[in-house]
Protein backbone atom coordinates (compact mmCIF):
# COMPACT_ATOMS: atom_id res chain seq x y z
CA MET A 1 -0.02 0.06 -0.16
CA LEU A 2 2.67 2.61 0.85
CA ALA A 3 4.68 1.69 -1.97
CA ARG A 4 1.60 2.46 -4.26
CA LEU A 5 1.30 5.94 -2.42
CA ILE A 6 4.99 6.42 -2.39
CA PRO A 7 6.23 4.47 -5.88
CA HIS A 8 9.36 6.68 -6.11
CA PRO A 9 10.32 8.27 -2.54
CA PHE A 10 13.37 9.53 -3.83
CA LEU A 11 11.67 11.38 -6.48
CA SER A 12 9.30 13.04 -3.90
CA LEU A 13 11.32 14.07 -1.58
CA THR A 14 13.55 15.38 -4.38
CA LEU A 15 10.49 16.70 -5.74
CA VAL A 16 9.53 18.53 -2.46
CA LEU A 17 12.75 20.11 -1.50
CA VAL A 18 12.53 21.35 -5.76
CA TRP A 19 9.70 23.23 -4.72
CA LEU A 20 10.84 24.97 -1.64
CA ALA A 21 14.25 26.20 -3.74
CA LEU A 22 11.31 27.51 -6.75
CA VAL A 23 9.57 29.04 -4.44
CA ASN A 24 12.59 30.55 -1.93
CA LYS A 25 10.03 31.01 0.76
CA PHE A 26 9.19 28.51 3.06
CA THR A 27 5.92 28.71 4.39
CA LEU A 28 3.34 25.57 5.72
CA GLY A 29 1.76 26.59 2.27
CA ASN A 30 4.48 25.66 0.10
CA LEU A 31 5.55 22.83 2.07
CA ILE A 32 2.26 21.17 1.79
CA LEU A 33 2.07 22.01 -2.47
CA GLY A 34 5.18 21.17 -3.05
CA SER A 35 4.79 17.46 -0.71
CA ALA A 36 0.84 17.17 -2.98
CA PHE A 37 3.68 17.84 -6.07
CA GLY A 38 5.62 15.29 -4.53
CA LEU A 39 3.18 12.38 -4.24
CA VAL A 40 0.87 13.17 -7.32
CA ILE A 41 3.48 13.28 -9.51
CA PRO A 42 5.28 9.93 -8.96
CA MET A 43 1.87 8.03 -8.47
CA LEU A 44 0.60 9.76 -12.03
CA THR A 45 4.10 8.73 -13.79
CA ALA A 46 4.71 5.24 -12.35
CA ALA A 47 3.96 3.67 -15.11
CA TYR A 48 5.94 4.99 -17.44
CA TRP A 49 9.17 3.79 -14.55
CA PRO A 50 7.96 -0.23 -14.46
CA ASN A 51 10.96 -0.89 -13.24
CA ARG A 52 12.46 1.13 -10.61
CA PRO A 53 16.39 2.00 -10.91
CA ARG A 54 18.35 -0.25 -7.94
CA ILE A 55 20.25 2.16 -6.04
CA GLY A 56 23.32 0.78 -4.85
CA ARG A 57 25.26 2.57 -2.43
CA PRO A 58 22.83 6.12 -2.13
CA LEU A 59 25.67 7.49 0.03
CA LYS A 60 27.70 7.39 -3.04
CA ILE A 61 25.53 10.42 -4.50
CA ALA A 62 26.53 12.98 -2.23
CA GLU A 63 30.57 12.16 -2.97
CA TYR A 64 29.17 12.12 -6.99
CA VAL A 65 27.48 15.72 -6.92
CA LEU A 66 30.00 17.41 -5.21
CA ILE A 67 32.69 15.47 -7.69
CA VAL A 68 30.43 16.53 -10.72
CA LEU A 69 30.10 20.52 -9.00
CA TRP A 70 34.00 20.97 -8.11
CA ASP A 71 34.29 19.66 -12.40
CA ILE A 72 32.23 22.12 -13.01
CA VAL A 73 34.04 25.04 -11.39
CA VAL A 74 37.18 23.67 -13.19
CA ALA A 75 35.87 23.00 -16.71
CA ASN A 76 34.33 26.66 -16.50
CA VAL A 77 38.04 28.41 -15.76
CA GLN A 78 39.55 26.21 -18.00
CA VAL A 79 36.60 27.03 -21.09
CA ALA A 80 37.59 30.97 -19.68
CA MET A 81 41.35 30.44 -20.19
CA ILE A 82 40.94 28.75 -23.89
CA ILE A 83 38.40 31.37 -25.32
CA LEU A 84 40.34 34.00 -23.82
CA PHE A 85 43.86 32.93 -24.53
CA LYS A 86 44.52 30.69 -26.86
CA PRO A 87 44.41 31.23 -30.90
CA GLU A 88 41.33 30.58 -32.23
CA LYS A 89 43.96 28.19 -34.68
CA ASN A 90 45.45 26.13 -31.56
CA ILE A 91 42.21 24.98 -30.68
CA GLN A 92 42.08 20.76 -30.92
CA SER A 93 38.70 19.49 -31.22
CA HIS A 94 37.77 15.48 -30.98
CA TRP A 95 35.06 13.86 -31.16
CA ILE A 96 36.16 10.67 -28.63
CA PRO A 97 34.09 7.67 -28.13
CA VAL A 98 33.75 6.80 -24.63
CA PRO A 99 32.31 3.37 -24.36
CA VAL A 100 29.99 2.37 -21.74
CA GLU A 101 29.75 -0.39 -19.46
CA LEU A 102 26.60 0.74 -17.58
CA THR A 103 23.51 -1.44 -18.54
CA SER A 104 20.87 0.78 -16.56
CA ALA A 105 19.35 3.38 -18.48
CA GLU A 106 18.93 5.92 -15.70
CA ALA A 107 22.61 5.10 -14.97
CA ILE A 108 24.01 6.15 -18.73
CA THR A 109 21.35 9.11 -18.64
CA VAL A 110 23.12 10.40 -15.60
CA LEU A 111 26.46 9.98 -17.30
CA ALA A 112 25.42 11.54 -20.62
CA GLY A 113 24.19 14.80 -18.57
CA THR A 114 27.15 14.35 -16.41
CA ILE A 115 29.85 14.69 -19.48
CA THR A 116 27.32 18.53 -21.31
CA MET A 117 26.84 19.79 -17.91
CA THR A 118 30.69 19.92 -17.87
CA PRO A 119 31.76 23.33 -20.33
CA GLY A 120 34.21 21.62 -22.94
CA THR A 121 32.25 18.41 -23.32
CA VAL A 122 29.40 18.07 -24.74
CA SER A 123 27.73 13.94 -25.06
CA ALA A 124 26.31 13.43 -28.64
CA THR A 125 24.58 10.70 -29.40
CA LEU A 126 24.38 7.03 -27.97
CA ALA A 127 25.17 4.08 -30.22
CA ALA A 128 21.80 1.67 -30.58
CA ASP A 129 22.77 -0.57 -28.34
CA GLY A 130 23.92 1.23 -25.61
CA SER A 131 27.44 0.34 -25.74
CA CYS A 132 29.37 4.09 -26.51
CA ILE A 133 28.96 7.58 -26.33
CA LEU A 134 29.75 9.62 -28.55
CA VAL A 135 31.54 13.15 -26.59
CA HIS A 136 32.72 15.74 -28.45
CA CYS A 137 35.75 17.76 -26.31
CA LEU A 138 36.11 21.53 -27.25
CA HIS A 139 40.06 21.11 -26.79
CA THR A 140 42.50 18.54 -25.99
CA ASP A 141 45.75 17.01 -26.78
CA ASP A 142 45.31 13.72 -25.80
CA PRO A 143 41.68 12.28 -26.70
CA ASP A 144 42.47 8.71 -24.69
CA ALA A 145 42.41 10.56 -21.68
CA VAL A 146 40.03 12.52 -21.77
CA ARG A 147 38.06 9.57 -22.23
CA ASP A 148 39.86 7.52 -19.39
CA GLU A 149 38.59 10.28 -17.15
CA ILE A 150 35.03 10.09 -17.91
CA LYS A 151 35.22 6.71 -17.55
CA THR A 152 37.36 6.48 -14.38
CA ARG A 153 35.57 9.91 -12.36
CA TYR A 154 32.03 8.91 -13.74
CA GLU A 155 30.80 5.74 -14.98
CA ARG A 156 33.25 4.24 -12.33
CA ARG A 157 31.04 5.85 -9.45
CA LEU A 158 27.50 5.55 -11.60
CA LYS A 159 28.54 1.71 -11.28
CA GLU A 160 28.57 1.81 -7.88
CA ILE A 161 25.46 4.20 -7.28
CA PHE A 162 23.63 1.78 -9.80
CA ALA A 163 24.97 -1.18 -8.40
């Protein structure tokens, strides 16, 4: 019964917190409305999630988020330096195929989103069988190093989270 009322507890909690952040004012009314969203939206969308993703190590999510936020800050500085100080003819952009070992669609989506959120890289396409993501890198001297960094820094952690 509780699983039917709250089919996706993490989504419900996330919706409540996002709603409170969006309204930028904590009141009882906003909490009630956010809680209503957190209950109703997952119930309406439960049919589209027949196999919920399994979170193997939920505490690793915090570590992953902190690493991604740090990488976004560092990449912003690196991209600014490239744009401001590197002549256009010296920029070496590359298309890099990144083989994916993740099997969960949600984990692959998080990986592709992480790549795109990090300035200087964008995930362009996913192979039809889900085995490879094509990534465009703004500037790199070593495409293999970029691929290896994506696999060790992000994919390895996502495999632990979605175990």
